[in-house]
Amino acid sequence: QLQVVESGGGLVQPGGSLRLSCTASGFTLDDYAIGWFRQAPGKEREGVSCISSRTGITKYADSVAGRFTISRDNAKNTAYLQLSSLKHEDTAIYFCALMWGGYDPGLSFYDYNYWGQGTQVTVSS
């Protein structure tokens, strides 16, 4: 039984920072790629960043490149998304998702197998 739980969201002012965590239980995390996605009200779900299994290769959406950083700590079964220089348009529910055997993952949410419940990030002055 797999469980994926995001945490770390909250209310932050423009220009501020947050670190989101994704803790997964019931599997060996190094066998999975990790993706971060977000969805704002009335908007489509958007791929934000991903990190591959084993090799730790990262990808970023153009909208967040240079501001967000994805990482993973397999010993803790946890992945992270560091959000910096936050903008109003970053406001969304942020989801963590896992892809089994994801050596070369992308940002299509259809390819991910296991999802957390999401954590809310609100950027407001």
PDB file of N, CA and C in Angstrom:
ATOM      1  N   GLN A   1       0.844  -1.176   0.000  1.00  0.00           N
ATOM      2  CA  GLN A   1       0.000   0.000   0.000  1.00  0.00           C
ATOM      3  C   GLN A   1       0.891   1.241   0.000  1.00  0.00           C
ATOM      4  N   LEU A   2       0.768   2.045  -1.043  1.00  0.00           N
ATOM      5  CA  LEU A   2       1.551   3.263  -1.173  1.00  0.00           C
ATOM      6  C   LEU A   2       0.795   4.454  -0.593  1.00  0.00           C
ATOM      7  N   GLN A   3       1.560   5.343   0.000  1.00  0.00           N
ATOM      8  CA  GLN A   3       0.993   6.580   0.507  1.00  0.00           C
ATOM      9  C   GLN A   3       1.943   7.716   0.158  1.00  0.00           C
ATOM     10  N   VAL A   4       1.400   8.775  -0.426  1.00  0.00           N
ATOM     11  CA  VAL A   4       2.169   9.949  -0.813  1.00  0.00           C
ATOM     12  C   VAL A   4       1.540  11.152  -0.128  1.00  0.00           C
ATOM     13  N   VAL A   5       2.340  11.897   0.626  1.00  0.00           N
ATOM     14  CA  VAL A   5       1.828  13.013   1.413  1.00  0.00           C
ATOM     15  C   VAL A   5       2.690  14.239   1.186  1.00  0.00           C
ATOM     16  N   GLU A   6       2.071  15.313   0.703  1.00  0.00           N
ATOM     17  CA  GLU A   6       2.755  16.598   0.552  1.00  0.00           C
ATOM     18  C   GLU A   6       2.566  17.439   1.806  1.00  0.00           C
ATOM     19  N   SER A   7       3.519  18.317   2.047  1.00  0.00           N
ATOM     20  CA  SER A   7       3.411  19.263   3.143  1.00  0.00           C
ATOM     21  C   SER A   7       4.260  20.488   2.821  1.00  0.00           C
ATOM     22  N   GLY A   8       4.086  21.538   3.598  1.00  0.00           N
ATOM     23  CA  GLY A   8       4.918  22.720   3.467  1.00  0.00           C
ATOM     24  C   GLY A   8       4.274  23.908   2.792  1.00  0.00           C
ATOM     25  N   GLY A   9       3.061  23.751   2.296  1.00  0.00           N
ATOM     26  CA  GLY A   9       2.384  24.867   1.672  1.00  0.00           C
ATOM     27  C   GLY A   9       1.950  25.897   2.696  1.00  0.00           C
ATOM     28  N   GLY A  10       1.530  27.043   2.194  1.00  0.00           N
ATOM     29  CA  GLY A  10       1.087  28.098   3.075  1.00  0.00           C
ATOM     30  C   GLY A  10       0.917  29.401   2.340  1.00  0.00           C
ATOM     31  N   LEU A  11       0.749  30.462   3.105  1.00  0.00           N
ATOM     32  CA  LEU A  11       0.577  31.811   2.581  1.00  0.00           C
ATOM     33  C   LEU A  11       1.913  32.537   2.639  1.00  0.00           C
ATOM     34  N   VAL A  12       2.304  33.131   1.524  1.00  0.00           N
ATOM     35  CA  VAL A  12       3.586  33.818   1.448  1.00  0.00           C
ATOM     36  C   VAL A  12       3.432  35.065   0.575  1.00  0.00           C
ATOM     37  N   GLN A  13       4.208  36.079   0.871  1.00  0.00           N
ATOM     38  CA  GLN A  13       4.182  37.309   0.085  1.00  0.00           C
ATOM     39  C   GLN A  13       4.966  37.148  -1.211  1.00  0.00           C
ATOM     40  N   PRO A  14       4.643  37.941  -2.219  1.00  0.00           N
ATOM     41  CA  PRO A  14       5.442  37.903  -3.443  1.00  0.00           C
ATOM     42  C   PRO A  14       6.924  38.117  -3.152  1.00  0.00           C
ATOM     43  N   GLY A  15       7.758  37.338  -3.830  1.00  0.00           N
ATOM     44  CA  GLY A  15       9.185  37.381  -3.589  1.00  0.00           C
ATOM     45  C   GLY A  15       9.664  36.446  -2.505  1.00  0.00           C
ATOM     46  N   GLY A  16       8.752  35.852  -1.769  1.00  0.00           N
ATOM     47  CA  GLY A  16       9.102  34.957  -0.688  1.00  0.00           C
ATOM     48  C   GLY A  16       9.409  33.554  -1.156  1.00  0.00           C
ATOM     49  N   SER A  17       9.649  32.677  -0.183  1.00  0.00           N
ATOM     50  CA  SER A  17      10.066  31.308  -0.465  1.00  0.00           C
ATOM     51  C   SER A  17       9.308  30.319   0.402  1.00  0.00           C
ATOM     52  N   LEU A  18       9.174  29.117  -0.115  1.00  0.00           N
ATOM     53  CA  LEU A  18       8.633  27.983   0.614  1.00  0.00           C
ATOM     54  C   LEU A  18       9.375  26.732   0.179  1.00  0.00           C
ATOM     55  N   ARG A  19       9.411  25.734   1.042  1.00  0.00           N
ATOM     56  CA  ARG A  19       9.907  24.428   0.667  1.00  0.00           C
ATOM     57  C   ARG A  19       8.810  23.397   0.879  1.00  0.00           C
ATOM     58  N   LEU A  20       8.425  22.754  -0.205  1.00  0.00           N
ATOM     59  CA  LEU A  20       7.430  21.702  -0.151  1.00  0.00           C
ATOM     60  C   LEU A  20       8.119  20.355   0.001  1.00  0.00           C
ATOM     61  N   SER A  21       7.500  19.477   0.768  1.00  0.00           N
ATOM     62  CA  SER A  21       8.016  18.131   0.966  1.00  0.00           C
ATOM     63  C   SER A  21       7.019  17.106   0.459  1.00  0.00           C
ATOM     64  N   CYS A  22       7.534  16.008  -0.024  1.00  0.00           N
ATOM     65  CA  CYS A  22       6.729  14.888  -0.488  1.00  0.00           C
ATOM     66  C   CYS A  22       7.302  13.625   0.127  1.00  0.00           C
ATOM     67  N   THR A  23       6.583  13.051   1.060  1.00  0.00           N
ATOM     68  CA  THR A  23       7.024  11.842   1.733  1.00  0.00           C
ATOM     69  C   THR A  23       6.198  10.660   1.241  1.00  0.00           C
ATOM     70  N   ALA A  24       6.891   9.622   0.801  1.00  0.00           N
ATOM     71  CA  ALA A  24       6.243   8.438   0.247  1.00  0.00           C
ATOM     72  C   ALA A  24       6.572   7.223   1.094  1.00  0.00           C
ATOM     73  N   SER A  25       5.599   6.401   1.340  1.00  0.00           N
ATOM     74  CA  SER A  25       5.793   5.194   2.128  1.00  0.00           C
ATOM     75  C   SER A  25       5.275   3.987   1.361  1.00  0.00           C
ATOM     76  N   GLY A  26       5.846   2.825   1.664  1.00  0.00           N
ATOM     77  CA  GLY A  26       5.397   1.591   1.056  1.00  0.00           C
ATOM     78  C   GLY A  26       6.175   1.145  -0.164  1.00  0.00           C
ATOM     79  N   PHE A  27       7.290   1.807  -0.463  1.00  0.00           N
ATOM     80  CA  PHE A  27       8.085   1.462  -1.627  1.00  0.00           C
ATOM     81  C   PHE A  27       9.494   1.990  -1.462  1.00  0.00           C
ATOM     82  N   THR A  28      10.366   1.589  -2.376  1.00  0.00           N
ATOM     83  CA  THR A  28      11.724   2.106  -2.428  1.00  0.00           C
ATOM     84  C   THR A  28      11.739   3.307  -3.360  1.00  0.00           C
ATOM     85  N   LEU A  29      11.984   4.470  -2.804  1.00  0.00           N
ATOM     86  CA  LEU A  29      11.812   5.701  -3.570  1.00  0.00           C
ATOM     87  C   LEU A  29      12.738   5.783  -4.772  1.00  0.00           C
ATOM     88  N   ASP A  30      13.918   5.197  -4.685  1.00  0.00           N
ATOM     89  CA  ASP A  30      14.882   5.288  -5.778  1.00  0.00           C
ATOM     90  C   ASP A  30      14.410   4.579  -7.047  1.00  0.00           C
ATOM     91  N   ASP A  31      13.362   3.770  -6.947  1.00  0.00           N
ATOM     92  CA  ASP A  31      12.792   3.109  -8.119  1.00  0.00           C
ATOM     93  C   ASP A  31      11.781   3.981  -8.854  1.00  0.00           C
ATOM     94  N   TYR A  32      11.553   5.188  -8.375  1.00  0.00           N
ATOM     95  CA  TYR A  32      10.500   6.045  -8.903  1.00  0.00           C
ATOM     96  C   TYR A  32      11.030   7.413  -9.281  1.00  0.00           C
ATOM     97  N   ALA A  33      10.555   7.918 -10.401  1.00  0.00           N
ATOM     98  CA  ALA A  33      10.704   9.335 -10.686  1.00  0.00           C
ATOM     99  C   ALA A  33       9.690  10.111  -9.856  1.00  0.00           C
ATOM    100  N   ILE A  34      10.035  11.345  -9.526  1.00  0.00           N
ATOM    101  CA  ILE A  34       9.153  12.218  -8.765  1.00  0.00           C
ATOM    102  C   ILE A  34       8.793  13.422  -9.630  1.00  0.00           C
ATOM    103  N   GLY A  35       7.523  13.722  -9.693  1.00  0.00           N
ATOM    104  CA  GLY A  35       7.064  14.908 -10.393  1.00  0.00           C
ATOM    105  C   GLY A  35       6.288  15.823  -9.466  1.00  0.00           C
ATOM    106  N   TRP A  36       6.438  17.105  -9.677  1.00  0.00           N
ATOM    107  CA  TRP A  36       5.627  18.105  -8.998  1.00  0.00           C
ATOM    108  C   TRP A  36       4.732  18.783 -10.034  1.00  0.00           C
ATOM    109  N   PHE A  37       3.459  18.886  -9.718  1.00  0.00           N
ATOM    110  CA  PHE A  37       2.464  19.492 -10.581  1.00  0.00           C
ATOM    111  C   PHE A  37       1.672  20.502  -9.773  1.00  0.00           C
ATOM    112  N   ARG A  38       0.991  21.395 -10.459  1.00  0.00           N
ATOM    113  CA  ARG A  38       0.168  22.359  -9.755  1.00  0.00           C
ATOM    114  C   ARG A  38      -1.088  22.647 -10.555  1.00  0.00           C
ATOM    115  N   GLN A  39      -2.122  23.068  -9.836  1.00  0.00           N
ATOM    116  CA  GLN A  39      -3.380  23.399 -10.472  1.00  0.00           C
ATOM    117  C   GLN A  39      -4.026  24.563  -9.726  1.00  0.00           C
ATOM    118  N   ALA A  40      -4.270  25.631 -10.455  1.00  0.00           N
ATOM    119  CA  ALA A  40      -4.968  26.785  -9.927  1.00  0.00           C
ATOM    120  C   ALA A  40      -6.449  26.665 -10.257  1.00  0.00           C
ATOM    121  N   PRO A  41      -7.323  27.319  -9.496  1.00  0.00           N
ATOM    122  CA  PRO A  41      -8.756  27.254  -9.781  1.00  0.00           C
ATOM    123  C   PRO A  41      -9.073  27.674 -11.207  1.00  0.00           C
ATOM    124  N   GLY A  42      -9.839  26.847 -11.904  1.00  0.00           N
ATOM    125  CA  GLY A  42     -10.224  27.141 -13.269  1.00  0.00           C
ATOM    126  C   GLY A  42      -9.141  26.939 -14.299  1.00  0.00           C
ATOM    127  N   LYS A  43      -7.994  26.421 -13.900  1.00  0.00           N
ATOM    128  CA  LYS A  43      -6.873  26.228 -14.814  1.00  0.00           C
ATOM    129  C   LYS A  43      -6.561  24.745 -14.976  1.00  0.00           C
ATOM    130  N   GLU A  44      -5.859  24.429 -16.044  1.00  0.00           N
ATOM    131  CA  GLU A  44      -5.416  23.066 -16.271  1.00  0.00           C
ATOM    132  C   GLU A  44      -4.274  22.708 -15.324  1.00  0.00           C
ATOM    133  N   ARG A  45      -4.153  21.424 -15.040  1.00  0.00           N
ATOM    134  CA  ARG A  45      -3.018  20.962 -14.271  1.00  0.00           C
ATOM    135  C   ARG A  45      -1.737  21.156 -15.075  1.00  0.00           C
ATOM    136  N   GLU A  46      -0.714  21.644 -14.407  1.00  0.00           N
ATOM    137  CA  GLU A  46       0.522  22.043 -15.053  1.00  0.00           C
ATOM    138  C   GLU A  46       1.700  21.306 -14.439  1.00  0.00           C
ATOM    139  N   GLY A  47       2.539  20.744 -15.275  1.00  0.00           N
ATOM    140  CA  GLY A  47       3.770  20.155 -14.793  1.00  0.00           C
ATOM    141  C   GLY A  47       4.755  21.234 -14.389  1.00  0.00           C
ATOM    142  N   VAL A  48       5.361  21.075 -13.233  1.00  0.00           N
ATOM    143  CA  VAL A  48       6.284  22.063 -12.682  1.00  0.00           C
ATOM    144  C   VAL A  48       7.727  21.600 -12.780  1.00  0.00           C
ATOM    145  N   SER A  49       7.988  20.400 -12.278  1.00  0.00           N
ATOM    146  CA  SER A  49       9.349  19.887 -12.243  1.00  0.00           C
ATOM    147  C   SER A  49       9.313  18.390 -12.028  1.00  0.00           C
ATOM    148  N   CYS A  50      10.383  17.721 -12.408  1.00  0.00           N
ATOM    149  CA  CYS A  50      10.500  16.293 -12.149  1.00  0.00           C
ATOM    150  C   CYS A  50      11.954  15.924 -11.966  1.00  0.00           C
ATOM    151  N   ILE A  51      12.161  14.795 -11.325  1.00  0.00           N
ATOM    152  CA  ILE A  51      13.505  14.274 -11.103  1.00  0.00           C
ATOM    153  C   ILE A  51      13.466  12.772 -11.331  1.00  0.00           C
ATOM    154  N   SER A  52      14.425  12.270 -12.078  1.00  0.00           N
ATOM    155  CA  SER A  52      14.399  10.879 -12.494  1.00  0.00           C
ATOM    156  C   SER A  52      14.794   9.942 -11.369  1.00  0.00           C
ATOM    157  N   SER A  53      14.423   8.679 -11.540  1.00  0.00           N
ATOM    158  CA  SER A  53      14.907   7.637 -10.639  1.00  0.00           C
ATOM    159  C   SER A  53      16.390   7.410 -10.875  1.00  0.00           C
ATOM    160  N   ARG A  54      17.064   6.904  -9.866  1.00  0.00           N
ATOM    161  CA  ARG A  54      18.468   6.508  -9.916  1.00  0.00           C
ATOM    162  C   ARG A  54      19.435   7.649 -10.201  1.00  0.00           C
ATOM    163  N   THR A  55      19.295   8.295 -11.367  1.00  0.00           N
ATOM    164  CA  THR A  55      20.281   9.269 -11.803  1.00  0.00           C
ATOM    165  C   THR A  55      20.032  10.682 -11.307  1.00  0.00           C
ATOM    166  N   GLY A  56      18.812  10.999 -10.913  1.00  0.00           N
ATOM    167  CA  GLY A  56      18.508  12.311 -10.380  1.00  0.00           C
ATOM    168  C   GLY A  56      18.554  13.439 -11.388  1.00  0.00           C
ATOM    169  N   ILE A  57      18.251  13.158 -12.637  1.00  0.00           N
ATOM    170  CA  ILE A  57      18.203  14.186 -13.664  1.00  0.00           C
ATOM    171  C   ILE A  57      16.934  15.015 -13.479  1.00  0.00           C
ATOM    172  N   THR A  58      17.062  16.321 -13.556  1.00  0.00           N
ATOM    173  CA  THR A  58      15.945  17.219 -13.281  1.00  0.00           C
ATOM    174  C   THR A  58      15.476  17.948 -14.532  1.00  0.00           C
ATOM    175  N   LYS A  59      14.200  18.298 -14.533  1.00  0.00           N
ATOM    176  CA  LYS A  59      13.595  19.115 -15.575  1.00  0.00           C
ATOM    177  C   LYS A  59      12.677  20.138 -14.917  1.00  0.00           C
ATOM    178  N   TYR A  60      12.501  21.275 -15.599  1.00  0.00           N
ATOM    179  CA  TYR A  60      11.661  22.339 -15.076  1.00  0.00           C
ATOM    180  C   TYR A  60      10.814  22.938 -16.179  1.00  0.00           C
ATOM    181  N   ALA A  61       9.606  23.314 -15.830  1.00  0.00           N
ATOM    182  CA  ALA A  61       8.792  24.103 -16.734  1.00  0.00           C
ATOM    183  C   ALA A  61       9.428  25.479 -16.903  1.00  0.00           C
ATOM    184  N   ASP A  62       9.251  26.058 -18.081  1.00  0.00           N
ATOM    185  CA  ASP A  62       9.831  27.372 -18.345  1.00  0.00           C
ATOM    186  C   ASP A  62       9.352  28.423 -17.344  1.00  0.00           C
ATOM    187  N   SER A  63       8.129  28.278 -16.873  1.00  0.00           N
ATOM    188  CA  SER A  63       7.550  29.267 -15.981  1.00  0.00           C
ATOM    189  C   SER A  63       8.216  29.313 -14.610  1.00  0.00           C
ATOM    190  N   VAL A  64       8.939  28.252 -14.239  1.00  0.00           N
ATOM    191  CA  VAL A  64       9.552  28.199 -12.912  1.00  0.00           C
ATOM    192  C   VAL A  64      11.060  28.034 -12.959  1.00  0.00           C
ATOM    193  N   ALA A  65      11.620  27.789 -14.128  1.00  0.00           N
ATOM    194  CA  ALA A  65      13.059  27.584 -14.245  1.00  0.00           C
ATOM    195  C   ALA A  65      13.819  28.783 -13.693  1.00  0.00           C
ATOM    196  N   GLY A  66      14.812  28.500 -12.877  1.00  0.00           N
ATOM    197  CA  GLY A  66      15.595  29.548 -12.249  1.00  0.00           C
ATOM    198  C   GLY A  66      15.057  30.002 -10.913  1.00  0.00           C
ATOM    199  N   ARG A  67      13.822  29.620 -10.589  1.00  0.00           N
ATOM    200  CA  ARG A  67      13.213  30.008  -9.319  1.00  0.00           C
ATOM    201  C   ARG A  67      12.932  28.818  -8.408  1.00  0.00           C
ATOM    202  N   PHE A  68      12.624  27.670  -8.984  1.00  0.00           N
ATOM    203  CA  PHE A  68      12.301  26.471  -8.213  1.00  0.00           C
ATOM    204  C   PHE A  68      13.422  25.457  -8.347  1.00  0.00           C
ATOM    205  N   THR A  69      13.591  24.629  -7.316  1.00  0.00           N
ATOM    206  CA  THR A  69      14.593  23.580  -7.328  1.00  0.00           C
ATOM    207  C   THR A  69      14.000  22.298  -6.769  1.00  0.00           C
ATOM    208  N   ILE A  70      14.117  21.223  -7.527  1.00  0.00           N
ATOM    209  CA  ILE A  70      13.641  19.924  -7.082  1.00  0.00           C
ATOM    210  C   ILE A  70      14.823  19.097  -6.577  1.00  0.00           C
ATOM    211  N   SER A  71      14.582  18.285  -5.563  1.00  0.00           N
ATOM    212  CA  SER A  71      15.613  17.414  -5.030  1.00  0.00           C
ATOM    213  C   SER A  71      14.954  16.196  -4.398  1.00  0.00           C
ATOM    214  N   ARG A  72      15.781  15.213  -4.062  1.00  0.00           N
ATOM    215  CA  ARG A  72      15.246  14.015  -3.424  1.00  0.00           C
ATOM    216  C   ARG A  72      16.250  13.465  -2.428  1.00  0.00           C
ATOM    217  N   ASP A  73      15.734  12.848  -1.376  1.00  0.00           N
ATOM    218  CA  ASP A  73      16.533  12.177  -0.374  1.00  0.00           C
ATOM    219  C   ASP A  73      15.949  10.783  -0.237  1.00  0.00           C
ATOM    220  N   ASN A  74      16.533   9.845  -0.951  1.00  0.00           N
ATOM    221  CA  ASN A  74      15.964   8.500  -1.001  1.00  0.00           C
ATOM    222  C   ASN A  74      16.004   7.799   0.356  1.00  0.00           C
ATOM    223  N   ALA A  75      17.003   8.097   1.158  1.00  0.00           N
ATOM    224  CA  ALA A  75      17.096   7.485   2.476  1.00  0.00           C
ATOM    225  C   ALA A  75      15.925   7.881   3.360  1.00  0.00           C
ATOM    226  N   LYS A  76      15.380   9.067   3.131  1.00  0.00           N
ATOM    227  CA  LYS A  76      14.231   9.541   3.892  1.00  0.00           C
ATOM    228  C   LYS A  76      12.914   9.324   3.164  1.00  0.00           C
ATOM    229  N   ASN A  77      12.964   8.713   1.985  1.00  0.00           N
ATOM    230  CA  ASN A  77      11.772   8.528   1.155  1.00  0.00           C
ATOM    231  C   ASN A  77      11.032   9.846   0.930  1.00  0.00           C
ATOM    232  N   THR A  78      11.802  10.892   0.702  1.00  0.00           N
ATOM    233  CA  THR A  78      11.234  12.227   0.607  1.00  0.00           C
ATOM    234  C   THR A  78      11.819  12.986  -0.573  1.00  0.00           C
ATOM    235  N   ALA A  79      10.969  13.714  -1.265  1.00  0.00           N
ATOM    236  CA  ALA A  79      11.383  14.643  -2.302  1.00  0.00           C
ATOM    237  C   ALA A  79      10.972  16.048  -1.891  1.00  0.00           C
ATOM    238  N   TYR A  80      11.641  17.031  -2.464  1.00  0.00           N
ATOM    239  CA  TYR A  80      11.409  18.415  -2.089  1.00  0.00           C
ATOM    240  C   TYR A  80      11.250  19.285  -3.328  1.00  0.00           C
ATOM    241  N   LEU A  81      10.533  20.365  -3.155  1.00  0.00           N
ATOM    242  CA  LEU A  81      10.485  21.420  -4.148  1.00  0.00           C
ATOM    243  C   LEU A  81      10.693  22.749  -3.430  1.00  0.00           C
ATOM    244  N   GLN A  82      11.831  23.373  -3.690  1.00  0.00           N
ATOM    245  CA  GLN A  82      12.131  24.682  -3.131  1.00  0.00           C
ATOM    246  C   GLN A  82      11.576  25.750  -4.057  1.00  0.00           C
ATOM    247  N   LEU A  83      10.673  26.555  -3.546  1.00  0.00           N
ATOM    248  CA  LEU A  83      10.040  27.621  -4.310  1.00  0.00           C
ATOM    249  C   LEU A  83      10.604  28.956  -3.846  1.00  0.00           C
ATOM    250  N   SER A  84      11.207  29.697  -4.747  1.00  0.00           N
ATOM    251  CA  SER A  84      11.791  30.987  -4.431  1.00  0.00           C
ATOM    252  C   SER A  84      11.273  32.039  -5.402  1.00  0.00           C
ATOM    253  N   SER A  85      11.464  33.298  -5.026  1.00  0.00           N
ATOM    254  CA  SER A  85      11.020  34.421  -5.855  1.00  0.00           C
ATOM    255  C   SER A  85       9.581  34.236  -6.308  1.00  0.00           C
ATOM    256  N   LEU A  86       8.729  33.908  -5.372  1.00  0.00           N
ATOM    257  CA  LEU A  86       7.361  33.542  -5.701  1.00  0.00           C
ATOM    258  C   LEU A  86       6.568  34.718  -6.253  1.00  0.00           C
ATOM    259  N   LYS A  87       5.701  34.395  -7.194  1.00  0.00           N
ATOM    260  CA  LYS A  87       4.841  35.361  -7.856  1.00  0.00           C
ATOM    261  C   LYS A  87       3.381  35.009  -7.593  1.00  0.00           C
ATOM    262  N   HIS A  88       2.500  35.983  -7.804  1.00  0.00           N
ATOM    263  CA  HIS A  88       1.073  35.730  -7.634  1.00  0.00           C
ATOM    264  C   HIS A  88       0.615  34.547  -8.477  1.00  0.00           C
ATOM    265  N   GLU A  89       1.142  34.421  -9.678  1.00  0.00           N
ATOM    266  CA  GLU A  89       0.721  33.366 -10.571  1.00  0.00           C
ATOM    267  C   GLU A  89       1.202  31.978 -10.164  1.00  0.00           C
ATOM    268  N   ASP A  90       2.023  31.886  -9.130  1.00  0.00           N
ATOM    269  CA  ASP A  90       2.418  30.593  -8.582  1.00  0.00           C
ATOM    270  C   ASP A  90       1.369  30.021  -7.638  1.00  0.00           C
ATOM    271  N   THR A  91       0.360  30.788  -7.306  1.00  0.00           N
ATOM    272  CA  THR A  91      -0.697  30.315  -6.420  1.00  0.00           C
ATOM    273  C   THR A  91      -1.415  29.123  -7.042  1.00  0.00           C
ATOM    274  N   ALA A  92      -1.450  28.016  -6.312  1.00  0.00           N
ATOM    275  CA  ALA A  92      -2.056  26.789  -6.813  1.00  0.00           C
ATOM    276  C   ALA A  92      -1.996  25.730  -5.734  1.00  0.00           C
ATOM    277  N   ILE A  93      -2.705  24.641  -5.964  1.00  0.00           N
ATOM    278  CA  ILE A  93      -2.473  23.429  -5.197  1.00  0.00           C
ATOM    279  C   ILE A  93      -1.327  22.685  -5.864  1.00  0.00           C
ATOM    280  N   TYR A  94      -0.341  22.314  -5.078  1.00  0.00           N
ATOM    281  CA  TYR A  94       0.827  21.617  -5.586  1.00  0.00           C
ATOM    282  C   TYR A  94       0.736  20.140  -5.225  1.00  0.00           C
ATOM    283  N   PHE A  95       0.889  19.304  -6.238  1.00  0.00           N
ATOM    284  CA  PHE A  95       0.780  17.862  -6.084  1.00  0.00           C
ATOM    285  C   PHE A  95       2.130  17.197  -6.333  1.00  0.00           C
ATOM    286  N   CYS A  96       2.409  16.182  -5.561  1.00  0.00           N
ATOM    287  CA  CYS A  96       3.545  15.310  -5.776  1.00  0.00           C
ATOM    288  C   CYS A  96       3.043  14.011  -6.397  1.00  0.00           C
ATOM    289  N   ALA A  97       3.776  13.495  -7.370  1.00  0.00           N
ATOM    290  CA  ALA A  97       3.392  12.258  -8.029  1.00  0.00           C
ATOM    291  C   ALA A  97       4.616  11.401  -8.293  1.00  0.00           C
ATOM    292  N   LEU A  98       4.411  10.084  -8.326  1.00  0.00           N
ATOM    293  CA  LEU A  98       5.483   9.116  -8.533  1.00  0.00           C
ATOM    294  C   LEU A  98       5.244   8.335  -9.813  1.00  0.00           C
ATOM    295  N   MET A  99       6.331   8.066 -10.522  1.00  0.00           N
ATOM    296  CA  MET A  99       6.314   7.238 -11.721  1.00  0.00           C
ATOM    297  C   MET A  99       7.281   6.085 -11.512  1.00  0.00           C
ATOM    298  N   TRP A 100       6.767   4.862 -11.528  1.00  0.00           N
ATOM    299  CA  TRP A 100       7.625   3.703 -11.327  1.00  0.00           C
ATOM    300  C   TRP A 100       8.586   3.548 -12.497  1.00  0.00           C
ATOM    301  N   GLY A 101       9.854   3.335 -12.188  1.00  0.00           N
ATOM    302  CA  GLY A 101      10.863   3.099 -13.201  1.00  0.00           C
ATOM    303  C   GLY A 101      11.155   4.288 -14.096  1.00  0.00           C
ATOM    304  N   GLY A 102      10.876   5.490 -13.621  1.00  0.00           N
ATOM    305  CA  GLY A 102      11.012   6.692 -14.437  1.00  0.00           C
ATOM    306  C   GLY A 102      12.455   7.143 -14.605  1.00  0.00           C
ATOM    307  N   TYR A 103      13.155   6.539 -15.547  1.00  0.00           N
ATOM    308  CA  TYR A 103      14.535   6.927 -15.809  1.00  0.00           C
ATOM    309  C   TYR A 103      14.621   8.252 -16.556  1.00  0.00           C
ATOM    310  N   ASP A 104      13.661   8.501 -17.431  1.00  0.00           N
ATOM    311  CA  ASP A 104      13.645   9.725 -18.229  1.00  0.00           C
ATOM    312  C   ASP A 104      12.241  10.325 -18.199  1.00  0.00           C
ATOM    313  N   PRO A 105      11.826  10.842 -17.056  1.00  0.00           N
ATOM    314  CA  PRO A 105      10.454  11.337 -16.939  1.00  0.00           C
ATOM    315  C   PRO A 105      10.259  12.693 -17.611  1.00  0.00           C
ATOM    316  N   GLY A 106       9.029  12.982 -17.921  1.00  0.00           N
ATOM    317  CA  GLY A 106       8.638  14.287 -18.413  1.00  0.00           C
ATOM    318  C   GLY A 106       7.608  14.894 -17.496  1.00  0.00           C
ATOM    319  N   LEU A 107       6.946  15.931 -17.986  1.00  0.00           N
ATOM    320  CA  LEU A 107       5.990  16.676 -17.176  1.00  0.00           C
ATOM    321  C   LEU A 107       4.540  16.445 -17.603  1.00  0.00           C
ATOM    322  N   SER A 108       4.274  15.319 -18.233  1.00  0.00           N
ATOM    323  CA  SER A 108       2.908  14.923 -18.537  1.00  0.00           C
ATOM    324  C   SER A 108       2.340  14.147 -17.359  1.00  0.00           C
ATOM    325  N   PHE A 109       1.284  14.668 -16.751  1.00  0.00           N
ATOM    326  CA  PHE A 109       0.765  14.028 -15.543  1.00  0.00           C
ATOM    327  C   PHE A 109       0.138  12.672 -15.815  1.00  0.00           C
ATOM    328  N   TYR A 110      -0.187  12.394 -17.079  1.00  0.00           N
ATOM    329  CA  TYR A 110      -0.754  11.093 -17.415  1.00  0.00           C
ATOM    330  C   TYR A 110       0.236   9.959 -17.184  1.00  0.00           C
ATOM    331  N   ASP A 111       1.507  10.259 -17.155  1.00  0.00           N
ATOM    332  CA  ASP A 111       2.534   9.233 -17.032  1.00  0.00           C
ATOM    333  C   ASP A 111       2.829   8.838 -15.593  1.00  0.00           C
ATOM    334  N   TYR A 112       2.263   9.532 -14.644  1.00  0.00           N
ATOM    335  CA  TYR A 112       2.558   9.279 -13.236  1.00  0.00           C
ATOM    336  C   TYR A 112       1.490   8.400 -12.600  1.00  0.00           C
ATOM    337  N   ASN A 113       1.918   7.527 -11.723  1.00  0.00           N
ATOM    338  CA  ASN A 113       1.077   6.451 -11.221  1.00  0.00           C
ATOM    339  C   ASN A 113       0.441   6.722  -9.860  1.00  0.00           C
ATOM    340  N   TYR A 114       1.155   7.389  -8.984  1.00  0.00           N
ATOM    341  CA  TYR A 114       0.712   7.576  -7.612  1.00  0.00           C
ATOM    342  C   TYR A 114       0.776   9.046  -7.249  1.00  0.00           C
ATOM    343  N   TRP A 115      -0.272   9.514  -6.589  1.00  0.00           N
ATOM    344  CA  TRP A 115      -0.435  10.938  -6.317  1.00  0.00           C
ATOM    345  C   TRP A 115      -0.736  11.204  -4.857  1.00  0.00           C
ATOM    346  N   GLY A 116      -0.241  12.332  -4.381  1.00  0.00           N
ATOM    347  CA  GLY A 116      -0.625  12.822  -3.079  1.00  0.00           C
ATOM    348  C   GLY A 116      -1.884  13.665  -3.163  1.00  0.00           C
ATOM    349  N   GLN A 117      -2.298  14.176  -2.011  1.00  0.00           N
ATOM    350  CA  GLN A 117      -3.546  14.931  -1.926  1.00  0.00           C
ATOM    351  C   GLN A 117      -3.385  16.404  -2.263  1.00  0.00           C
ATOM    352  N   GLY A 118      -2.157  16.876  -2.319  1.00  0.00           N
ATOM    353  CA  GLY A 118      -1.883  18.258  -2.637  1.00  0.00           C
ATOM    354  C   GLY A 118      -1.692  19.129  -1.413  1.00  0.00           C
ATOM    355  N   THR A 119      -0.950  20.207  -1.587  1.00  0.00           N
ATOM    356  CA  THR A 119      -0.766  21.205  -0.548  1.00  0.00           C
ATOM    357  C   THR A 119      -0.920  22.588  -1.176  1.00  0.00           C
ATOM    358  N   GLN A 120      -1.632  23.465  -0.496  1.00  0.00           N
ATOM    359  CA  GLN A 120      -1.977  24.767  -1.052  1.00  0.00           C
ATOM    360  C   GLN A 120      -0.842  25.761  -0.867  1.00  0.00           C
ATOM    361  N   VAL A 121      -0.472  26.422  -1.950  1.00  0.00           N
ATOM    362  CA  VAL A 121       0.464  27.541  -1.917  1.00  0.00           C
ATOM    363  C   VAL A 121      -0.285  28.783  -2.376  1.00  0.00           C
ATOM    364  N   THR A 122      -0.301  29.801  -1.540  1.00  0.00           N
ATOM    365  CA  THR A 122      -0.963  31.049  -1.871  1.00  0.00           C
ATOM    366  C   THR A 122       0.040  32.184  -1.776  1.00  0.00           C
ATOM    367  N   VAL A 123       0.214  32.904  -2.870  1.00  0.00           N
ATOM    368  CA  VAL A 123       1.129  34.040  -2.923  1.00  0.00           C
ATOM    369  C   VAL A 123       0.281  35.298  -3.014  1.00  0.00           C
ATOM    370  N   SER A 124       0.337  36.109  -1.987  1.00  0.00           N
ATOM    371  CA  SER A 124      -0.527  37.282  -1.922  1.00  0.00           C
ATOM    372  C   SER A 124       0.116  38.354  -1.060  1.00  0.00           C
ATOM    373  N   SER A 125      -0.084  39.599  -1.463  1.00  0.00           N
ATOM    374  CA  SER A 125       0.372  40.737  -0.678  1.00  0.00           C
ATOM    375  C   SER A 125      -0.735  41.306   0.188  1.00  0.00           C
TER     376      SER A 125
END
